[in-house]
Amino acid sequence: MSAEGNKALFLQFFDDVWRGRPPYDDAWIKEIQAAFPDLMATPDRVLAAEDDHVVILFTVTATHQEDYKGIPATGEPITFRGTTTARLENGQIVEEFPFLEKMGAVMIGQNL
């Protein structure tokens, strides 16, 4: 697949996952969307699309409206940025490497 084709495929995957339509059953995104139902993940820029790799810079905004990982809802908005890199083979994403700001890492339950 071409770099442009990989770019289009990864952007569609990104949109599907963050809009609650992951191509697989993923409990963590459902848990996030329950606590942050207005979550919006926006791909700000495709930093690179070369050969079998695509790199996206993105921003996430949301409001903490339900309990999340034992943290009571605050009603407060959050915003964080991140970068994600995907490696594709034959039109399939085979690896993804997300890097998030501290708030984003806390939100998805990573321990930093």
PDB file of N, CA and C in Angstrom:
ATOM      1  N   MET A   1       0.850  -1.177   0.000  1.00  0.00           N
ATOM      2  CA  MET A   1       0.000   0.000   0.000  1.00  0.00           C
ATOM      3  C   MET A   1       0.895   1.240   0.000  1.00  0.00           C
ATOM      4  N   SER A   2       0.468   2.296  -0.639  1.00  0.00           N
ATOM      5  CA  SER A   2       1.245   3.530  -0.718  1.00  0.00           C
ATOM      6  C   SER A   2       1.235   4.273   0.614  1.00  0.00           C
ATOM      7  N   ALA A   3       2.160   5.215   0.768  1.00  0.00           N
ATOM      8  CA  ALA A   3       2.203   6.047   1.979  1.00  0.00           C
ATOM      9  C   ALA A   3       0.885   6.809   2.136  1.00  0.00           C
ATOM     10  N   GLU A   4       0.321   7.304   1.055  1.00  0.00           N
ATOM     11  CA  GLU A   4      -0.958   8.028   1.117  1.00  0.00           C
ATOM     12  C   GLU A   4      -2.095   7.093   1.520  1.00  0.00           C
ATOM     13  N   GLY A   5      -2.083   5.876   1.012  1.00  0.00           N
ATOM     14  CA  GLY A   5      -3.087   4.896   1.397  1.00  0.00           C
ATOM     15  C   GLY A   5      -2.971   4.536   2.873  1.00  0.00           C
ATOM     16  N   ASN A   6      -1.735   4.365   3.360  1.00  0.00           N
ATOM     17  CA  ASN A   6      -1.509   4.091   4.781  1.00  0.00           C
ATOM     18  C   ASN A   6      -1.982   5.256   5.642  1.00  0.00           C
ATOM     19  N   LYS A   7      -1.718   6.466   5.180  1.00  0.00           N
ATOM     20  CA  LYS A   7      -2.156   7.665   5.909  1.00  0.00           C
ATOM     21  C   LYS A   7      -3.679   7.678   6.039  1.00  0.00           C
ATOM     22  N   ALA A   8      -4.379   7.443   4.948  1.00  0.00           N
ATOM     23  CA  ALA A   8      -5.849   7.437   4.969  1.00  0.00           C
ATOM     24  C   ALA A   8      -6.375   6.335   5.887  1.00  0.00           C
ATOM     25  N   LEU A   9      -5.774   5.160   5.826  1.00  0.00           N
ATOM     26  CA  LEU A   9      -6.215   4.040   6.650  1.00  0.00           C
ATOM     27  C   LEU A   9      -6.010   4.350   8.133  1.00  0.00           C
ATOM     28  N   PHE A  10      -4.855   4.902   8.489  1.00  0.00           N
ATOM     29  CA  PHE A  10      -4.588   5.184   9.903  1.00  0.00           C
ATOM     30  C   PHE A  10      -5.464   6.322  10.421  1.00  0.00           C
ATOM     31  N   LEU A  11      -5.716   7.325   9.614  1.00  0.00           N
ATOM     32  CA  LEU A  11      -6.618   8.405  10.036  1.00  0.00           C
ATOM     33  C   LEU A  11      -8.033   7.866  10.272  1.00  0.00           C
ATOM     34  N   GLN A  12      -8.493   6.938   9.436  1.00  0.00           N
ATOM     35  CA  GLN A  12      -9.813   6.337   9.632  1.00  0.00           C
ATOM     36  C   GLN A  12      -9.834   5.505  10.909  1.00  0.00           C
ATOM     37  N   PHE A  13      -8.791   4.729  11.152  1.00  0.00           N
ATOM     38  CA  PHE A  13      -8.674   3.936  12.384  1.00  0.00           C
ATOM     39  C   PHE A  13      -8.693   4.853  13.603  1.00  0.00           C
ATOM     40  N   PHE A  14      -7.923   5.940  13.572  1.00  0.00           N
ATOM     41  CA  PHE A  14      -7.861   6.913  14.661  1.00  0.00           C
ATOM     42  C   PHE A  14      -9.254   7.459  14.957  1.00  0.00           C
ATOM     43  N   ASP A  15      -9.960   7.858  13.917  1.00  0.00           N
ATOM     44  CA  ASP A  15     -11.306   8.400  14.075  1.00  0.00           C
ATOM     45  C   ASP A  15     -12.257   7.345  14.642  1.00  0.00           C
ATOM     46  N   ASP A  16     -12.200   6.140  14.126  1.00  0.00           N
ATOM     47  CA  ASP A  16     -13.086   5.072  14.598  1.00  0.00           C
ATOM     48  C   ASP A  16     -12.866   4.782  16.082  1.00  0.00           C
ATOM     49  N   VAL A  17     -11.613   4.645  16.503  1.00  0.00           N
ATOM     50  CA  VAL A  17     -11.314   4.309  17.901  1.00  0.00           C
ATOM     51  C   VAL A  17     -11.807   5.404  18.834  1.00  0.00           C
ATOM     52  N   TRP A  18     -11.458   6.654  18.562  1.00  0.00           N
ATOM     53  CA  TRP A  18     -11.806   7.740  19.480  1.00  0.00           C
ATOM     54  C   TRP A  18     -13.276   8.130  19.404  1.00  0.00           C
ATOM     55  N   ARG A  19     -13.999   7.698  18.392  1.00  0.00           N
ATOM     56  CA  ARG A  19     -15.437   7.971  18.309  1.00  0.00           C
ATOM     57  C   ARG A  19     -16.254   6.770  18.812  1.00  0.00           C
ATOM     58  N   GLY A  20     -15.563   5.787  19.399  1.00  0.00           N
ATOM     59  CA  GLY A  20     -16.257   4.653  19.991  1.00  0.00           C
ATOM     60  C   GLY A  20     -16.620   3.555  19.026  1.00  0.00           C
ATOM     61  N   ARG A  21     -15.930   3.512  17.890  1.00  0.00           N
ATOM     62  CA  ARG A  21     -16.179   2.461  16.903  1.00  0.00           C
ATOM     63  C   ARG A  21     -14.900   1.669  16.617  1.00  0.00           C
ATOM     64  N   PRO A  22     -14.225   1.188  17.681  1.00  0.00           N
ATOM     65  CA  PRO A  22     -12.976   0.464  17.401  1.00  0.00           C
ATOM     66  C   PRO A  22     -13.254  -0.798  16.599  1.00  0.00           C
ATOM     67  N   PRO A  23     -12.311  -1.173  15.747  1.00  0.00           N
ATOM     68  CA  PRO A  23     -12.514  -2.369  14.924  1.00  0.00           C
ATOM     69  C   PRO A  23     -12.353  -3.664  15.726  1.00  0.00           C
ATOM     70  N   TYR A  24     -12.210  -3.540  17.008  1.00  0.00           N
ATOM     71  CA  TYR A  24     -12.079  -4.685  17.903  1.00  0.00           C
ATOM     72  C   TYR A  24     -12.741  -4.305  19.220  1.00  0.00           C
ATOM     73  N   ASP A  25     -13.000  -5.269  20.083  1.00  0.00           N
ATOM     74  CA  ASP A  25     -13.631  -4.993  21.372  1.00  0.00           C
ATOM     75  C   ASP A  25     -12.560  -4.536  22.351  1.00  0.00           C
ATOM     76  N   ASP A  26     -12.546  -3.259  22.654  1.00  0.00           N
ATOM     77  CA  ASP A  26     -11.505  -2.708  23.514  1.00  0.00           C
ATOM     78  C   ASP A  26     -12.142  -2.061  24.736  1.00  0.00           C
ATOM     79  N   ALA A  27     -11.982  -2.701  25.880  1.00  0.00           N
ATOM     80  CA  ALA A  27     -12.626  -2.247  27.116  1.00  0.00           C
ATOM     81  C   ALA A  27     -12.130  -0.889  27.567  1.00  0.00           C
ATOM     82  N   TRP A  28     -10.837  -0.577  27.353  1.00  0.00           N
ATOM     83  CA  TRP A  28     -10.314   0.690  27.885  1.00  0.00           C
ATOM     84  C   TRP A  28     -10.967   1.890  27.210  1.00  0.00           C
ATOM     85  N   ILE A  29     -11.234   1.830  25.913  1.00  0.00           N
ATOM     86  CA  ILE A  29     -11.851   2.983  25.257  1.00  0.00           C
ATOM     87  C   ILE A  29     -13.299   3.124  25.708  1.00  0.00           C
ATOM     88  N   LYS A  30     -13.994   2.013  25.960  1.00  0.00           N
ATOM     89  CA  LYS A  30     -15.370   2.081  26.459  1.00  0.00           C
ATOM     90  C   LYS A  30     -15.406   2.695  27.857  1.00  0.00           C
ATOM     91  N   GLU A  31     -14.436   2.344  28.690  1.00  0.00           N
ATOM     92  CA  GLU A  31     -14.357   2.900  30.039  1.00  0.00           C
ATOM     93  C   GLU A  31     -14.084   4.410  29.993  1.00  0.00           C
ATOM     94  N   ILE A  32     -13.194   4.812  29.125  1.00  0.00           N
ATOM     95  CA  ILE A  32     -12.884   6.240  28.962  1.00  0.00           C
ATOM     96  C   ILE A  32     -14.114   6.992  28.476  1.00  0.00           C
ATOM     97  N   GLN A  33     -14.817   6.439  27.492  1.00  0.00           N
ATOM     98  CA  GLN A  33     -15.974   7.134  26.933  1.00  0.00           C
ATOM     99  C   GLN A  33     -17.139   7.205  27.912  1.00  0.00           C
ATOM    100  N   ALA A  34     -17.236   6.245  28.834  1.00  0.00           N
ATOM    101  CA  ALA A  34     -18.277   6.324  29.858  1.00  0.00           C
ATOM    102  C   ALA A  34     -18.005   7.481  30.807  1.00  0.00           C
ATOM    103  N   ALA A  35     -16.758   7.696  31.169  1.00  0.00           N
ATOM    104  CA  ALA A  35     -16.396   8.760  32.110  1.00  0.00           C
ATOM    105  C   ALA A  35     -16.282  10.121  31.429  1.00  0.00           C
ATOM    106  N   PHE A  36     -15.948  10.117  30.138  1.00  0.00           N
ATOM    107  CA  PHE A  36     -15.734  11.354  29.374  1.00  0.00           C
ATOM    108  C   PHE A  36     -16.580  11.286  28.100  1.00  0.00           C
ATOM    109  N   PRO A  37     -17.918  11.323  28.220  1.00  0.00           N
ATOM    110  CA  PRO A  37     -18.778  11.071  27.064  1.00  0.00           C
ATOM    111  C   PRO A  37     -18.680  12.109  25.940  1.00  0.00           C
ATOM    112  N   ASP A  38     -18.156  13.286  26.238  1.00  0.00           N
ATOM    113  CA  ASP A  38     -18.021  14.300  25.191  1.00  0.00           C
ATOM    114  C   ASP A  38     -16.611  14.321  24.591  1.00  0.00           C
ATOM    115  N   LEU A  39     -15.850  13.279  24.827  1.00  0.00           N
ATOM    116  CA  LEU A  39     -14.470  13.207  24.361  1.00  0.00           C
ATOM    117  C   LEU A  39     -14.372  13.452  22.862  1.00  0.00           C
ATOM    118  N   MET A  40     -13.435  14.300  22.495  1.00  0.00           N
ATOM    119  CA  MET A  40     -13.132  14.573  21.094  1.00  0.00           C
ATOM    120  C   MET A  40     -11.623  14.459  20.905  1.00  0.00           C
ATOM    121  N   ALA A  41     -11.202  13.590  20.020  1.00  0.00           N
ATOM    122  CA  ALA A  41      -9.793  13.460  19.659  1.00  0.00           C
ATOM    123  C   ALA A  41      -9.645  13.957  18.234  1.00  0.00           C
ATOM    124  N   THR A  42      -8.837  14.981  18.075  1.00  0.00           N
ATOM    125  CA  THR A  42      -8.693  15.626  16.775  1.00  0.00           C
ATOM    126  C   THR A  42      -7.276  15.437  16.257  1.00  0.00           C
ATOM    127  N   PRO A  43      -7.112  14.829  15.094  1.00  0.00           N
ATOM    128  CA  PRO A  43      -5.776  14.766  14.505  1.00  0.00           C
ATOM    129  C   PRO A  43      -5.396  16.155  13.992  1.00  0.00           C
ATOM    130  N   ASP A  44      -4.447  16.780  14.673  1.00  0.00           N
ATOM    131  CA  ASP A  44      -4.046  18.145  14.317  1.00  0.00           C
ATOM    132  C   ASP A  44      -3.198  18.180  13.061  1.00  0.00           C
ATOM    133  N   ARG A  45      -2.364  17.160  12.916  1.00  0.00           N
ATOM    134  CA  ARG A  45      -1.438  17.185  11.799  1.00  0.00           C
ATOM    135  C   ARG A  45      -0.844  15.794  11.578  1.00  0.00           C
ATOM    136  N   VAL A  46      -0.730  15.403  10.349  1.00  0.00           N
ATOM    137  CA  VAL A  46       0.035  14.205  10.020  1.00  0.00           C
ATOM    138  C   VAL A  46       1.475  14.673   9.849  1.00  0.00           C
ATOM    139  N   LEU A  47       2.321  14.249  10.788  1.00  0.00           N
ATOM    140  CA  LEU A  47       3.713  14.694  10.765  1.00  0.00           C
ATOM    141  C   LEU A  47       4.531  13.962   9.718  1.00  0.00           C
ATOM    142  N   ALA A  48       4.156  12.711   9.443  1.00  0.00           N
ATOM    143  CA  ALA A  48       4.875  11.932   8.446  1.00  0.00           C
ATOM    144  C   ALA A  48       3.999  10.797   7.951  1.00  0.00           C
ATOM    145  N   ALA A  49       4.173  10.471   6.697  1.00  0.00           N
ATOM    146  CA  ALA A  49       3.560   9.284   6.103  1.00  0.00           C
ATOM    147  C   ALA A  49       4.567   8.784   5.080  1.00  0.00           C
ATOM    148  N   GLU A  50       5.423   7.887   5.534  1.00  0.00           N
ATOM    149  CA  GLU A  50       6.483   7.374   4.669  1.00  0.00           C
ATOM    150  C   GLU A  50       6.499   5.857   4.720  1.00  0.00           C
ATOM    151  N   ASP A  51       6.588   5.261   3.565  1.00  0.00           N
ATOM    152  CA  ASP A  51       6.634   3.809   3.454  1.00  0.00           C
ATOM    153  C   ASP A  51       5.518   3.188   4.287  1.00  0.00           C
ATOM    154  N   ASP A  52       5.881   2.434   5.336  1.00  0.00           N
ATOM    155  CA  ASP A  52       4.868   1.731   6.122  1.00  0.00           C
ATOM    156  C   ASP A  52       4.596   2.383   7.472  1.00  0.00           C
ATOM    157  N   HIS A  53       5.019   3.632   7.668  1.00  0.00           N
ATOM    158  CA  HIS A  53       4.804   4.336   8.937  1.00  0.00           C
ATOM    159  C   HIS A  53       4.004   5.625   8.730  1.00  0.00           C
ATOM    160  N   VAL A  54       3.130   5.920   9.721  1.00  0.00           N
ATOM    161  CA  VAL A  54       2.361   7.166   9.737  1.00  0.00           C
ATOM    162  C   VAL A  54       2.461   7.732  11.150  1.00  0.00           C
ATOM    163  N   VAL A  55       2.696   9.056  11.252  1.00  0.00           N
ATOM    164  CA  VAL A  55       2.817   9.728  12.544  1.00  0.00           C
ATOM    165  C   VAL A  55       1.785  10.853  12.603  1.00  0.00           C
ATOM    166  N   ILE A  56       0.956  10.848  13.665  1.00  0.00           N
ATOM    167  CA  ILE A  56      -0.098  11.846  13.828  1.00  0.00           C
ATOM    168  C   ILE A  56       0.102  12.592  15.143  1.00  0.00           C
ATOM    169  N   LEU A  57       0.009  13.914  15.105  1.00  0.00           N
ATOM    170  CA  LEU A  57      -0.049  14.770  16.292  1.00  0.00           C
ATOM    171  C   LEU A  57      -1.524  15.051  16.530  1.00  0.00           C
ATOM    172  N   PHE A  58      -1.998  14.860  17.782  1.00  0.00           N
ATOM    173  CA  PHE A  58      -3.429  15.017  18.049  1.00  0.00           C
ATOM    174  C   PHE A  58      -3.681  15.729  19.370  1.00  0.00           C
ATOM    175  N   THR A  59      -4.922  16.221  19.524  1.00  0.00           N
ATOM    176  CA  THR A  59      -5.383  16.869  20.746  1.00  0.00           C
ATOM    177  C   THR A  59      -6.660  16.186  21.194  1.00  0.00           C
ATOM    178  N   VAL A  60      -6.767  15.952  22.502  1.00  0.00           N
ATOM    179  CA  VAL A  60      -7.971  15.369  23.088  1.00  0.00           C
ATOM    180  C   VAL A  60      -8.573  16.380  24.055  1.00  0.00           C
ATOM    181  N   THR A  61      -9.881  16.597  23.953  1.00  0.00           N
ATOM    182  CA  THR A  61     -10.610  17.419  24.915  1.00  0.00           C
ATOM    183  C   THR A  61     -11.780  16.581  25.425  1.00  0.00           C
ATOM    184  N   ALA A  62     -12.133  16.791  26.686  1.00  0.00           N
ATOM    185  CA  ALA A  62     -13.225  16.032  27.288  1.00  0.00           C
ATOM    186  C   ALA A  62     -13.605  16.671  28.615  1.00  0.00           C
ATOM    187  N   THR A  63     -14.740  16.251  29.147  1.00  0.00           N
ATOM    188  CA  THR A  63     -15.189  16.681  30.465  1.00  0.00           C
ATOM    189  C   THR A  63     -15.365  15.439  31.328  1.00  0.00           C
ATOM    190  N   HIS A  64     -14.806  15.468  32.523  1.00  0.00           N
ATOM    191  CA  HIS A  64     -14.866  14.320  33.441  1.00  0.00           C
ATOM    192  C   HIS A  64     -16.253  14.269  34.074  1.00  0.00           C
ATOM    193  N   GLN A  65     -17.170  13.471  33.483  1.00  0.00           N
ATOM    194  CA  GLN A  65     -18.574  13.483  33.887  1.00  0.00           C
ATOM    195  C   GLN A  65     -19.013  12.272  34.704  1.00  0.00           C
ATOM    196  N   GLU A  66     -18.220  11.212  34.744  1.00  0.00           N
ATOM    197  CA  GLU A  66     -18.544  10.007  35.518  1.00  0.00           C
ATOM    198  C   GLU A  66     -17.275   9.539  36.227  1.00  0.00           C
ATOM    199  N   ASP A  67     -17.437   8.698  37.252  1.00  0.00           N
ATOM    200  CA  ASP A  67     -16.276   8.153  37.948  1.00  0.00           C
ATOM    201  C   ASP A  67     -15.365   7.440  36.957  1.00  0.00           C
ATOM    202  N   TYR A  68     -14.051   7.549  37.209  1.00  0.00           N
ATOM    203  CA  TYR A  68     -13.081   6.915  36.334  1.00  0.00           C
ATOM    204  C   TYR A  68     -11.936   6.365  37.169  1.00  0.00           C
ATOM    205  N   LYS A  69     -11.777   5.055  37.149  1.00  0.00           N
ATOM    206  CA  LYS A  69     -10.705   4.378  37.882  1.00  0.00           C
ATOM    207  C   LYS A  69     -10.680   4.806  39.348  1.00  0.00           C
ATOM    208  N   GLY A  70     -11.870   4.901  39.946  1.00  0.00           N
ATOM    209  CA  GLY A  70     -11.978   5.255  41.352  1.00  0.00           C
ATOM    210  C   GLY A  70     -11.931   6.739  41.644  1.00  0.00           C
ATOM    211  N   ILE A  71     -11.794   7.565  40.620  1.00  0.00           N
ATOM    212  CA  ILE A  71     -11.762   9.017  40.797  1.00  0.00           C
ATOM    213  C   ILE A  71     -13.162   9.553  40.525  1.00  0.00           C
ATOM    214  N   PRO A  72     -13.783  10.178  41.526  1.00  0.00           N
ATOM    215  CA  PRO A  72     -15.130  10.721  41.312  1.00  0.00           C
ATOM    216  C   PRO A  72     -15.136  11.780  40.209  1.00  0.00           C
ATOM    217  N   ALA A  73     -16.237  11.869  39.500  1.00  0.00           N
ATOM    218  CA  ALA A  73     -16.379  12.866  38.444  1.00  0.00           C
ATOM    219  C   ALA A  73     -16.155  14.257  39.007  1.00  0.00           C
ATOM    220  N   THR A  74     -15.408  15.066  38.259  1.00  0.00           N
ATOM    221  CA  THR A  74     -15.112  16.433  38.703  1.00  0.00           C
ATOM    222  C   THR A  74     -15.959  17.464  37.968  1.00  0.00           C
ATOM    223  N   GLY A  75     -16.483  17.098  36.803  1.00  0.00           N
ATOM    224  CA  GLY A  75     -17.204  18.064  35.980  1.00  0.00           C
ATOM    225  C   GLY A  75     -16.266  19.030  35.275  1.00  0.00           C
ATOM    226  N   GLU A  76     -14.962  18.828  35.435  1.00  0.00           N
ATOM    227  CA  GLU A  76     -13.963  19.732  34.862  1.00  0.00           C
ATOM    228  C   GLU A  76     -13.534  19.274  33.470  1.00  0.00           C
ATOM    229  N   PRO A  77     -13.273  20.235  32.596  1.00  0.00           N
ATOM    230  CA  PRO A  77     -12.754  19.882  31.273  1.00  0.00           C
ATOM    231  C   PRO A  77     -11.265  19.542  31.364  1.00  0.00           C
ATOM    232  N   ILE A  78     -10.815  18.690  30.461  1.00  0.00           N
ATOM    233  CA  ILE A  78      -9.393  18.391  30.335  1.00  0.00           C
ATOM    234  C   ILE A  78      -9.010  18.522  28.870  1.00  0.00           C
ATOM    235  N   THR A  79      -7.750  18.800  28.653  1.00  0.00           N
ATOM    236  CA  THR A  79      -7.186  18.838  27.308  1.00  0.00           C
ATOM    237  C   THR A  79      -5.773  18.289  27.401  1.00  0.00           C
ATOM    238  N   PHE A  80      -5.407  17.428  26.473  1.00  0.00           N
ATOM    239  CA  PHE A  80      -4.018  16.988  26.390  1.00  0.00           C
ATOM    240  C   PHE A  80      -3.684  16.685  24.944  1.00  0.00           C
ATOM    241  N   ARG A  81      -2.380  16.643  24.688  1.00  0.00           N
ATOM    242  CA  ARG A  81      -1.908  16.368  23.335  1.00  0.00           C
ATOM    243  C   ARG A  81      -1.087  15.093  23.336  1.00  0.00           C
ATOM    244  N   GLY A  82      -0.974  14.524  22.175  1.00  0.00           N
ATOM    245  CA  GLY A  82      -0.172  13.325  22.036  1.00  0.00           C
ATOM    246  C   GLY A  82       0.273  13.142  20.603  1.00  0.00           C
ATOM    247  N   THR A  83       1.125  12.166  20.439  1.00  0.00           N
ATOM    248  CA  THR A  83       1.605  11.763  19.121  1.00  0.00           C
ATOM    249  C   THR A  83       1.482  10.254  19.048  1.00  0.00           C
ATOM    250  N   THR A  84       1.017   9.749  17.940  1.00  0.00           N
ATOM    251  CA  THR A  84       0.942   8.310  17.774  1.00  0.00           C
ATOM    252  C   THR A  84       1.552   7.928  16.430  1.00  0.00           C
ATOM    253  N   THR A  85       2.277   6.826  16.457  1.00  0.00           N
ATOM    254  CA  THR A  85       2.932   6.314  15.261  1.00  0.00           C
ATOM    255  C   THR A  85       2.394   4.913  14.988  1.00  0.00           C
ATOM    256  N   ALA A  86       2.077   4.641  13.754  1.00  0.00           N
ATOM    257  CA  ALA A  86       1.611   3.311  13.380  1.00  0.00           C
ATOM    258  C   ALA A  86       2.514   2.740  12.302  1.00  0.00           C
ATOM    259  N   ARG A  87       2.676   1.431  12.367  1.00  0.00           N
ATOM    260  CA  ARG A  87       3.347   0.697  11.298  1.00  0.00           C
ATOM    261  C   ARG A  87       2.300  -0.210  10.665  1.00  0.00           C
ATOM    262  N   LEU A  88       2.220  -0.145   9.348  1.00  0.00           N
ATOM    263  CA  LEU A  88       1.208  -0.902   8.613  1.00  0.00           C
ATOM    264  C   LEU A  88       1.865  -1.912   7.682  1.00  0.00           C
ATOM    265  N   GLU A  89       1.183  -3.035   7.520  1.00  0.00           N
ATOM    266  CA  GLU A  89       1.601  -4.050   6.558  1.00  0.00           C
ATOM    267  C   GLU A  89       0.364  -4.529   5.808  1.00  0.00           C
ATOM    268  N   ASN A  90       0.424  -4.498   4.499  1.00  0.00           N
ATOM    269  CA  ASN A  90      -0.672  -5.003   3.664  1.00  0.00           C
ATOM    270  C   ASN A  90      -2.026  -4.424   4.059  1.00  0.00           C
ATOM    271  N   GLY A  91      -2.071  -3.123   4.325  1.00  0.00           N
ATOM    272  CA  GLY A  91      -3.333  -2.463   4.648  1.00  0.00           C
ATOM    273  C   GLY A  91      -3.835  -2.721   6.053  1.00  0.00           C
ATOM    274  N   GLN A  92      -2.993  -3.244   6.931  1.00  0.00           N
ATOM    275  CA  GLN A  92      -3.372  -3.527   8.317  1.00  0.00           C
ATOM    276  C   GLN A  92      -2.399  -2.831   9.265  1.00  0.00           C
ATOM    277  N   ILE A  93      -2.922  -2.286  10.359  1.00  0.00           N
ATOM    278  CA  ILE A  93      -2.067  -1.711  11.395  1.00  0.00           C
ATOM    279  C   ILE A  93      -1.526  -2.871  12.224  1.00  0.00           C
ATOM    280  N   VAL A  94      -0.215  -3.014  12.245  1.00  0.00           N
ATOM    281  CA  VAL A  94       0.387  -4.129  12.978  1.00  0.00           C
ATOM    282  C   VAL A  94       1.039  -3.672  14.286  1.00  0.00           C
ATOM    283  N   GLU A  95       1.356  -2.387  14.384  1.00  0.00           N
ATOM    284  CA  GLU A  95       1.910  -1.822  15.621  1.00  0.00           C
ATOM    285  C   GLU A  95       1.469  -0.376  15.746  1.00  0.00           C
ATOM    286  N   GLU A  96       1.251   0.060  16.995  1.00  0.00           N
ATOM    287  CA  GLU A  96       0.970   1.466  17.252  1.00  0.00           C
ATOM    288  C   GLU A  96       1.739   1.875  18.501  1.00  0.00           C
ATOM    289  N   PHE A  97       2.343   3.053  18.448  1.00  0.00           N
ATOM    290  CA  PHE A  97       3.159   3.566  19.536  1.00  0.00           C
ATOM    291  C   PHE A  97       2.662   4.949  19.933  1.00  0.00           C
ATOM    292  N   PRO A  98       1.746   5.052  20.915  1.00  0.00           N
ATOM    293  CA  PRO A  98       1.250   6.370  21.338  1.00  0.00           C
ATOM    294  C   PRO A  98       2.150   6.986  22.403  1.00  0.00           C
ATOM    295  N   PHE A  99       2.320   8.286  22.325  1.00  0.00           N
ATOM    296  CA  PHE A  99       3.031   9.065  23.336  1.00  0.00           C
ATOM    297  C   PHE A  99       2.108  10.192  23.763  1.00  0.00           C
ATOM    298  N   LEU A 100       1.785  10.248  25.070  1.00  0.00           N
ATOM    299  CA  LEU A 100       0.817  11.204  25.576  1.00  0.00           C
ATOM    300  C   LEU A 100       1.453  12.121  26.600  1.00  0.00           C
ATOM    301  N   GLU A 101       0.926  13.350  26.688  1.00  0.00           N
ATOM    302  CA  GLU A 101       1.292  14.218  27.800  1.00  0.00           C
ATOM    303  C   GLU A 101       0.899  13.540  29.097  1.00  0.00           C
ATOM    304  N   LYS A 102       1.418  13.993  30.199  1.00  0.00           N
ATOM    305  CA  LYS A 102       1.156  13.390  31.511  1.00  0.00           C
ATOM    306  C   LYS A 102      -0.343  13.202  31.761  1.00  0.00           C
ATOM    307  N   MET A 103      -1.167  14.213  31.520  1.00  0.00           N
ATOM    308  CA  MET A 103      -2.605  14.083  31.792  1.00  0.00           C
ATOM    309  C   MET A 103      -3.218  12.983  30.956  1.00  0.00           C
ATOM    310  N   GLY A 104      -2.798  12.866  29.720  1.00  0.00           N
ATOM    311  CA  GLY A 104      -3.312  11.811  28.874  1.00  0.00           C
ATOM    312  C   GLY A 104      -2.934  10.440  29.389  1.00  0.00           C
ATOM    313  N   ALA A 105      -1.712  10.307  29.868  1.00  0.00           N
ATOM    314  CA  ALA A 105      -1.265   9.026  30.412  1.00  0.00           C
ATOM    315  C   ALA A 105      -2.047   8.673  31.668  1.00  0.00           C
ATOM    316  N   VAL A 106      -2.318   9.657  32.517  1.00  0.00           N
ATOM    317  CA  VAL A 106      -3.118   9.416  33.714  1.00  0.00           C
ATOM    318  C   VAL A 106      -4.526   8.992  33.320  1.00  0.00           C
ATOM    319  N   MET A 107      -5.086   9.671  32.311  1.00  0.00           N
ATOM    320  CA  MET A 107      -6.455   9.397  31.887  1.00  0.00           C
ATOM    321  C   MET A 107      -6.628   7.965  31.405  1.00  0.00           C
ATOM    322  N   ILE A 108      -5.645   7.444  30.665  1.00  0.00           N
ATOM    323  CA  ILE A 108      -5.827   6.096  30.165  1.00  0.00           C
ATOM    324  C   ILE A 108      -5.219   5.049  31.100  1.00  0.00           C
ATOM    325  N   GLY A 109      -4.772   5.486  32.278  1.00  0.00           N
ATOM    326  CA  GLY A 109      -4.389   4.541  33.305  1.00  0.00           C
ATOM    327  C   GLY A 109      -2.951   4.077  33.277  1.00  0.00           C
ATOM    328  N   GLN A 110      -2.082   4.785  32.586  1.00  0.00           N
ATOM    329  CA  GLN A 110      -0.675   4.421  32.607  1.00  0.00           C
ATOM    330  C   GLN A 110      -0.032   5.036  33.844  1.00  0.00           C
ATOM    331  N   ASN A 111       0.901   4.345  34.411  1.00  0.00           N
ATOM    332  CA  ASN A 111       1.583   4.835  35.605  1.00  0.00           C
ATOM    333  C   ASN A 111       2.905   5.478  35.204  1.00  0.00           C
ATOM    334  N   LEU A 112       3.000   6.787  35.359  1.00  0.00           N
ATOM    335  CA  LEU A 112       4.243   7.504  35.025  1.00  0.00           C
ATOM    336  C   LEU A 112       4.952   7.952  36.286  1.00  0.00           C
TER     337      LEU A 112
END
